[in-house]
Structures are given as C-alpha cells and as structure tokens.
C-alpha cells in the first residue's frame, strides 16, 4: 500500500508534468476532479479531453 504522502507527491508530480495517464494511474475509475466552479468525472471523460478548463487537462 502506498503511503498517503507518497501518493500526494506522485499526484502533484504528474499534475505538474501534465501527465494525464500518470494522474489517472493513481485514481479510481470513478474519480471526480474539481477546480473552482467546474468538475470532470471518470477516466473516460479525462482521456477524451472533454474538460479543457481543468488546469491539468
């Protein structure tokens, strides 16, 4: 099992690298990513690039 701090660091590293597949590798398939006033749910939505307003994507 991954320690929470290592998981958070990995997530941050993937976000900073704009590595969508890396971020998704650390999340469940029903993940919901939220930015101020907007959100995107699920791996398929993220991979399809349908939510361009989120900073990572």
C-alpha atoms as a PDB file:
ATOM      1  CA  UNK A   1       0.000   0.000   0.000  1.00  0.00           C
ATOM      2  CA  UNK A   2       1.260   3.454  -0.887  1.00  0.00           C
ATOM      3  CA  UNK A   3       1.773   5.904   1.947  1.00  0.00           C
ATOM      4  CA  UNK A   4      -0.576   8.921   1.664  1.00  0.00           C
ATOM      5  CA  UNK A   5       2.290  11.421   1.406  1.00  0.00           C
ATOM      6  CA  UNK A   6       3.876   9.430  -1.429  1.00  0.00           C
ATOM      7  CA  UNK A   7       0.523   9.272  -3.216  1.00  0.00           C
ATOM      8  CA  UNK A   8       0.084  13.045  -2.841  1.00  0.00           C
ATOM      9  CA  UNK A   9       3.625  13.695  -4.088  1.00  0.00           C
ATOM     10  CA  UNK A  10       3.111  11.418  -7.084  1.00  0.00           C
ATOM     11  CA  UNK A  11      -0.176  13.137  -7.914  1.00  0.00           C
ATOM     12  CA  UNK A  12       1.488  16.556  -7.683  1.00  0.00           C
ATOM     13  CA  UNK A  13       4.401  15.431  -9.855  1.00  0.00           C
ATOM     14  CA  UNK A  14       2.036  14.086 -12.531  1.00  0.00           C
ATOM     15  CA  UNK A  15      -0.075  17.258 -12.454  1.00  0.00           C
ATOM     16  CA  UNK A  16       2.999  19.463 -12.804  1.00  0.00           C
ATOM     17  CA  UNK A  17       4.183  17.330 -15.740  1.00  0.00           C
ATOM     18  CA  UNK A  18       0.665  17.487 -17.270  1.00  0.00           C
ATOM     19  CA  UNK A  19       0.750  13.677 -17.396  1.00  0.00           C
ATOM     20  CA  UNK A  20      -2.924  12.679 -17.636  1.00  0.00           C
ATOM     21  CA  UNK A  21      -2.220   8.942 -17.693  1.00  0.00           C
ATOM     22  CA  UNK A  22       0.012   9.311 -14.632  1.00  0.00           C
ATOM     23  CA  UNK A  23      -2.718  11.102 -12.683  1.00  0.00           C
ATOM     24  CA  UNK A  24      -5.285   8.524 -13.733  1.00  0.00           C
ATOM     25  CA  UNK A  25      -2.954   5.708 -12.667  1.00  0.00           C
ATOM     26  CA  UNK A  26      -3.296   6.983  -9.095  1.00  0.00           C
ATOM     27  CA  UNK A  27      -7.082   7.323  -9.108  1.00  0.00           C
ATOM     28  CA  UNK A  28     -10.124   5.115  -9.252  1.00  0.00           C
ATOM     29  CA  UNK A  29     -12.159   4.876 -12.444  1.00  0.00           C
ATOM     30  CA  UNK A  30     -14.942   6.984 -10.929  1.00  0.00           C
ATOM     31  CA  UNK A  31     -12.651   9.834  -9.870  1.00  0.00           C
ATOM     32  CA  UNK A  32     -14.042  13.374  -9.898  1.00  0.00           C
ATOM     33  CA  UNK A  33     -11.520  16.157 -10.445  1.00  0.00           C
ATOM     34  CA  UNK A  34     -12.706  19.565  -9.286  1.00  0.00           C
ATOM     35  CA  UNK A  35     -11.491  23.075  -9.986  1.00  0.00           C
ATOM     36  CA  UNK A  36     -13.238  26.282  -8.909  1.00  0.00           C
ATOM     37  CA  UNK A  37     -16.790  26.053 -10.224  1.00  0.00           C
ATOM     38  CA  UNK A  38     -16.177  23.068 -12.525  1.00  0.00           C
ATOM     39  CA  UNK A  39     -15.583  19.336 -12.378  1.00  0.00           C
ATOM     40  CA  UNK A  40     -14.918  16.282 -14.510  1.00  0.00           C
ATOM     41  CA  UNK A  41     -15.749  12.699 -13.581  1.00  0.00           C
ATOM     42  CA  UNK A  42     -14.360   9.384 -14.725  1.00  0.00           C
ATOM     43  CA  UNK A  43     -11.298   8.200 -16.602  1.00  0.00           C
ATOM     44  CA  UNK A  44     -13.059   8.061 -19.983  1.00  0.00           C
ATOM     45  CA  UNK A  45     -14.013  11.742 -19.770  1.00  0.00           C
ATOM     46  CA  UNK A  46     -10.464  12.750 -18.872  1.00  0.00           C
ATOM     47  CA  UNK A  47      -8.851  10.646 -21.590  1.00  0.00           C
ATOM     48  CA  UNK A  48     -11.226  12.087 -24.155  1.00  0.00           C
ATOM     49  CA  UNK A  49     -10.074  15.575 -23.208  1.00  0.00           C
ATOM     50  CA  UNK A  50     -13.627  16.815 -22.900  1.00  0.00           C
ATOM     51  CA  UNK A  51     -12.954  19.138 -19.968  1.00  0.00           C
ATOM     52  CA  UNK A  52     -10.231  21.559 -21.085  1.00  0.00           C
ATOM     53  CA  UNK A  53     -10.867  24.072 -18.272  1.00  0.00           C
ATOM     54  CA  UNK A  54      -9.215  21.954 -15.590  1.00  0.00           C
ATOM     55  CA  UNK A  55      -5.621  23.125 -15.126  1.00  0.00           C
ATOM     56  CA  UNK A  56      -4.084  19.682 -15.621  1.00  0.00           C
ATOM     57  CA  UNK A  57      -6.013  18.914 -18.737  1.00  0.00           C
END
